[in-house]
Amino acid sequence: MIDIKHACKVSAVWMSVVYLVCFAGVAFFPGSRAFFLRYALHYEDAALGESVMTFSTFMSGLVIWDIAAVLAAGLFAALFNTIKK
């Protein structure tokens, strides 16, 4: 059995660390944003627009990605605990 609350907490912390590293990487190397997004979007040439990096965009992105991580971990743990071998 997986402890769902613990899995959600761990996933939120892990996503926070990954997001912080990613945000800092793009802040220090702005050209890397277009390079990585091109390959993350499967070679699509997406119009990326202006890169706006503020405390507000950092916090909103952090919250959004932490929510996504918690939902994914919660769903995984619930399915793992429900589905029998």
N, C-alpha and C. Protein backbone atom coordinates (compact mmCIF):
# COMPACT_ATOMS: atom_id res chain seq x y z
N MET A 1 0.84 -1.19 0.00
CA MET A 1 0.00 0.00 0.00
C MET A 1 0.88 1.25 0.00
N ILE A 2 0.49 2.19 -0.79
CA ILE A 2 1.20 3.47 -0.85
C ILE A 2 0.43 4.49 -0.01
N ASP A 3 1.13 5.21 0.82
CA ASP A 3 0.53 6.28 1.61
C ASP A 3 0.29 7.47 0.67
N ILE A 4 -0.96 7.73 0.34
CA ILE A 4 -1.30 8.74 -0.66
C ILE A 4 -0.84 10.13 -0.23
N LYS A 5 -1.05 10.50 1.02
CA LYS A 5 -0.64 11.82 1.49
C LYS A 5 0.86 12.01 1.39
N HIS A 6 1.60 10.99 1.77
CA HIS A 6 3.06 11.07 1.70
C HIS A 6 3.53 11.16 0.25
N ALA A 7 2.93 10.38 -0.63
CA ALA A 7 3.30 10.41 -2.05
C ALA A 7 3.02 11.78 -2.65
N CYS A 8 1.92 12.40 -2.27
CA CYS A 8 1.58 13.74 -2.77
C CYS A 8 2.57 14.79 -2.26
N LYS A 9 2.95 14.69 -0.99
CA LYS A 9 3.92 15.64 -0.43
C LYS A 9 5.28 15.51 -1.12
N VAL A 10 5.73 14.28 -1.28
CA VAL A 10 7.02 14.04 -1.92
C VAL A 10 7.00 14.54 -3.37
N SER A 11 5.92 14.29 -4.09
CA SER A 11 5.85 14.74 -5.48
C SER A 11 5.83 16.26 -5.57
N ALA A 12 5.19 16.93 -4.64
CA ALA A 12 5.17 18.40 -4.64
C ALA A 12 6.57 18.96 -4.38
N VAL A 13 7.30 18.37 -3.46
CA VAL A 13 8.66 18.83 -3.19
C VAL A 13 9.55 18.55 -4.39
N TRP A 14 9.44 17.37 -4.96
CA TRP A 14 10.25 17.02 -6.13
C TRP A 14 9.97 17.97 -7.29
N MET A 15 8.70 18.25 -7.56
CA MET A 15 8.35 19.16 -8.65
C MET A 15 8.85 20.56 -8.37
N SER A 16 8.83 20.98 -7.12
CA SER A 16 9.35 22.31 -6.76
C SER A 16 10.83 22.41 -7.07
N VAL A 17 11.59 21.38 -6.75
CA VAL A 17 13.03 21.37 -7.03
C VAL A 17 13.27 21.41 -8.54
N VAL A 18 12.58 20.57 -9.28
CA VAL A 18 12.74 20.53 -10.74
C VAL A 18 12.36 21.87 -11.35
N TYR A 19 11.26 22.45 -10.90
CA TYR A 19 10.80 23.73 -11.44
C TYR A 19 11.81 24.85 -11.13
N LEU A 20 12.34 24.86 -9.93
CA LEU A 20 13.33 25.87 -9.55
C LEU A 20 14.58 25.77 -10.42
N VAL A 21 15.07 24.57 -10.64
CA VAL A 21 16.24 24.37 -11.49
C VAL A 21 15.94 24.81 -12.92
N CYS A 22 14.79 24.45 -13.43
CA CYS A 22 14.41 24.82 -14.79
C CYS A 22 14.27 26.34 -14.93
N PHE A 23 13.58 26.97 -14.01
CA PHE A 23 13.37 28.41 -14.06
C PHE A 23 14.71 29.14 -13.97
N ALA A 24 15.58 28.69 -13.09
CA ALA A 24 16.89 29.32 -12.94
C ALA A 24 17.72 29.13 -14.21
N GLY A 25 17.63 27.94 -14.80
CA GLY A 25 18.36 27.68 -16.04
C GLY A 25 17.95 28.61 -17.15
N VAL A 26 16.65 28.82 -17.30
CA VAL A 26 16.16 29.73 -18.33
C VAL A 26 16.49 31.18 -17.99
N ALA A 27 16.52 31.52 -16.71
CA ALA A 27 16.86 32.89 -16.31
C ALA A 27 18.32 33.20 -16.63
N PHE A 28 19.21 32.23 -16.39
CA PHE A 28 20.63 32.45 -16.63
C PHE A 28 21.02 32.24 -18.10
N PHE A 29 20.28 31.39 -18.80
CA PHE A 29 20.55 31.10 -20.21
C PHE A 29 19.27 31.24 -21.01
N PRO A 30 18.82 32.46 -21.31
CA PRO A 30 17.53 32.68 -21.96
C PRO A 30 17.38 31.96 -23.30
N GLY A 31 18.46 31.79 -24.03
CA GLY A 31 18.38 31.10 -25.32
C GLY A 31 18.02 29.64 -25.20
N SER A 32 18.19 29.07 -24.02
CA SER A 32 17.89 27.65 -23.84
C SER A 32 16.39 27.37 -23.88
N ARG A 33 15.58 28.36 -23.62
CA ARG A 33 14.12 28.17 -23.60
C ARG A 33 13.61 27.67 -24.94
N ALA A 34 13.95 28.38 -26.01
CA ALA A 34 13.48 27.98 -27.34
C ALA A 34 14.06 26.63 -27.74
N PHE A 35 15.32 26.38 -27.41
CA PHE A 35 15.96 25.11 -27.76
C PHE A 35 15.25 23.93 -27.10
N PHE A 36 15.03 24.01 -25.79
CA PHE A 36 14.41 22.90 -25.09
C PHE A 36 12.93 22.75 -25.44
N LEU A 37 12.22 23.85 -25.61
CA LEU A 37 10.82 23.74 -25.95
C LEU A 37 10.63 23.14 -27.34
N ARG A 38 11.54 23.44 -28.24
CA ARG A 38 11.42 22.86 -29.58
C ARG A 38 11.45 21.34 -29.49
N TYR A 39 12.34 20.79 -28.69
CA TYR A 39 12.44 19.33 -28.59
C TYR A 39 11.38 18.75 -27.65
N ALA A 40 10.97 19.50 -26.66
CA ALA A 40 9.91 19.03 -25.76
C ALA A 40 8.57 18.97 -26.48
N LEU A 41 8.41 19.83 -27.48
CA LEU A 41 7.15 19.86 -28.26
C LEU A 41 7.27 19.03 -29.54
N HIS A 42 8.18 18.08 -29.56
CA HIS A 42 8.34 17.15 -30.68
C HIS A 42 8.63 17.86 -31.99
N TYR A 43 9.64 18.69 -31.98
CA TYR A 43 10.14 19.37 -33.16
C TYR A 43 9.16 20.36 -33.76
N GLU A 44 8.25 20.83 -32.98
CA GLU A 44 7.31 21.85 -33.45
C GLU A 44 7.95 23.22 -33.33
N ASP A 45 7.70 24.05 -34.32
CA ASP A 45 8.15 25.44 -34.24
C ASP A 45 7.00 26.28 -33.71
N ALA A 46 6.90 26.34 -32.41
CA ALA A 46 5.82 27.10 -31.77
C ALA A 46 6.26 28.54 -31.59
N ALA A 47 5.33 29.44 -31.78
CA ALA A 47 5.62 30.85 -31.53
C ALA A 47 5.66 31.04 -30.02
N LEU A 48 6.85 31.27 -29.50
CA LEU A 48 7.02 31.31 -28.05
C LEU A 48 6.72 32.69 -27.47
N GLY A 49 6.73 33.70 -28.29
CA GLY A 49 6.45 35.04 -27.80
C GLY A 49 7.56 35.57 -26.92
N GLU A 50 7.25 36.58 -26.16
CA GLU A 50 8.24 37.21 -25.29
C GLU A 50 8.40 36.39 -24.02
N SER A 51 9.63 36.27 -23.58
CA SER A 51 9.91 35.54 -22.35
C SER A 51 9.81 36.49 -21.17
N VAL A 52 8.76 36.35 -20.38
CA VAL A 52 8.54 37.21 -19.23
C VAL A 52 8.84 36.39 -17.98
N MET A 53 9.85 36.82 -17.24
CA MET A 53 10.24 36.10 -16.04
C MET A 53 10.22 37.06 -14.87
N THR A 54 9.18 36.93 -14.07
CA THR A 54 9.02 37.76 -12.89
C THR A 54 8.73 36.85 -11.69
N PHE A 55 8.70 37.45 -10.52
CA PHE A 55 8.36 36.68 -9.33
C PHE A 55 6.95 36.09 -9.46
N SER A 56 6.03 36.86 -10.06
CA SER A 56 4.65 36.38 -10.23
C SER A 56 4.58 35.19 -11.17
N THR A 57 5.32 35.25 -12.29
CA THR A 57 5.30 34.11 -13.21
C THR A 57 5.97 32.90 -12.58
N PHE A 58 7.01 33.13 -11.78
CA PHE A 58 7.65 32.02 -11.08
C PHE A 58 6.67 31.36 -10.12
N MET A 59 6.00 32.15 -9.31
CA MET A 59 5.09 31.59 -8.31
C MET A 59 3.88 30.91 -8.95
N SER A 60 3.31 31.53 -9.98
CA SER A 60 2.14 30.91 -10.63
C SER A 60 2.52 29.60 -11.29
N GLY A 61 3.68 29.56 -11.96
CA GLY A 61 4.13 28.31 -12.56
C GLY A 61 4.42 27.24 -11.51
N LEU A 62 5.03 27.65 -10.41
CA LEU A 62 5.32 26.71 -9.33
C LEU A 62 4.04 26.10 -8.77
N VAL A 63 3.05 26.92 -8.54
CA VAL A 63 1.78 26.43 -8.00
C VAL A 63 1.10 25.49 -9.00
N ILE A 64 1.07 25.88 -10.26
CA ILE A 64 0.41 25.06 -11.28
C ILE A 64 1.10 23.69 -11.40
N TRP A 65 2.43 23.67 -11.48
CA TRP A 65 3.15 22.41 -11.62
C TRP A 65 3.08 21.57 -10.36
N ASP A 66 3.04 22.19 -9.17
CA ASP A 66 2.89 21.43 -7.94
C ASP A 66 1.51 20.78 -7.87
N ILE A 67 0.49 21.50 -8.29
CA ILE A 67 -0.86 20.92 -8.32
C ILE A 67 -0.90 19.74 -9.27
N ALA A 68 -0.30 19.89 -10.45
CA ALA A 68 -0.27 18.79 -11.42
C ALA A 68 0.47 17.59 -10.85
N ALA A 69 1.58 17.81 -10.16
CA ALA A 69 2.36 16.72 -9.58
C ALA A 69 1.58 16.02 -8.48
N VAL A 70 0.90 16.78 -7.64
CA VAL A 70 0.12 16.19 -6.55
C VAL A 70 -1.04 15.37 -7.11
N LEU A 71 -1.72 15.89 -8.11
CA LEU A 71 -2.82 15.14 -8.73
C LEU A 71 -2.32 13.85 -9.37
N ALA A 72 -1.19 13.93 -10.06
CA ALA A 72 -0.63 12.73 -10.70
C ALA A 72 -0.21 11.70 -9.65
N ALA A 73 0.45 12.13 -8.60
CA ALA A 73 0.89 11.20 -7.55
C ALA A 73 -0.31 10.61 -6.82
N GLY A 74 -1.31 11.43 -6.55
CA GLY A 74 -2.52 10.94 -5.88
C GLY A 74 -3.25 9.91 -6.72
N LEU A 75 -3.36 10.18 -8.03
CA LEU A 75 -4.01 9.22 -8.93
C LEU A 75 -3.21 7.93 -9.00
N PHE A 76 -1.89 8.06 -9.14
CA PHE A 76 -1.05 6.86 -9.19
C PHE A 76 -1.21 6.03 -7.92
N ALA A 77 -1.11 6.66 -6.76
CA ALA A 77 -1.21 5.93 -5.49
C ALA A 77 -2.59 5.29 -5.33
N ALA A 78 -3.64 6.02 -5.69
CA ALA A 78 -4.99 5.47 -5.58
C ALA A 78 -5.17 4.27 -6.49
N LEU A 79 -4.69 4.38 -7.72
CA LEU A 79 -4.79 3.24 -8.64
C LEU A 79 -3.93 2.07 -8.18
N PHE A 80 -2.74 2.37 -7.69
CA PHE A 80 -1.85 1.32 -7.20
C PHE A 80 -2.50 0.56 -6.04
N ASN A 81 -3.14 1.31 -5.15
CA ASN A 81 -3.78 0.69 -3.97
C ASN A 81 -5.06 -0.05 -4.35
N THR A 82 -5.69 0.33 -5.46
CA THR A 82 -6.98 -0.26 -5.86
C THR A 82 -6.81 -1.50 -6.73
N ILE A 83 -5.89 -1.45 -7.66
CA ILE A 83 -5.72 -2.54 -8.61
C ILE A 83 -4.91 -3.66 -7.97
N LYS A 84 -5.46 -4.83 -7.98
CA LYS A 84 -4.79 -5.99 -7.36
C LYS A 84 -3.96 -6.72 -8.40
N LYS A 85 -2.96 -7.47 -7.92
CA LYS A 85 -2.09 -8.25 -8.81
C LYS A 85 -2.86 -9.29 -9.54
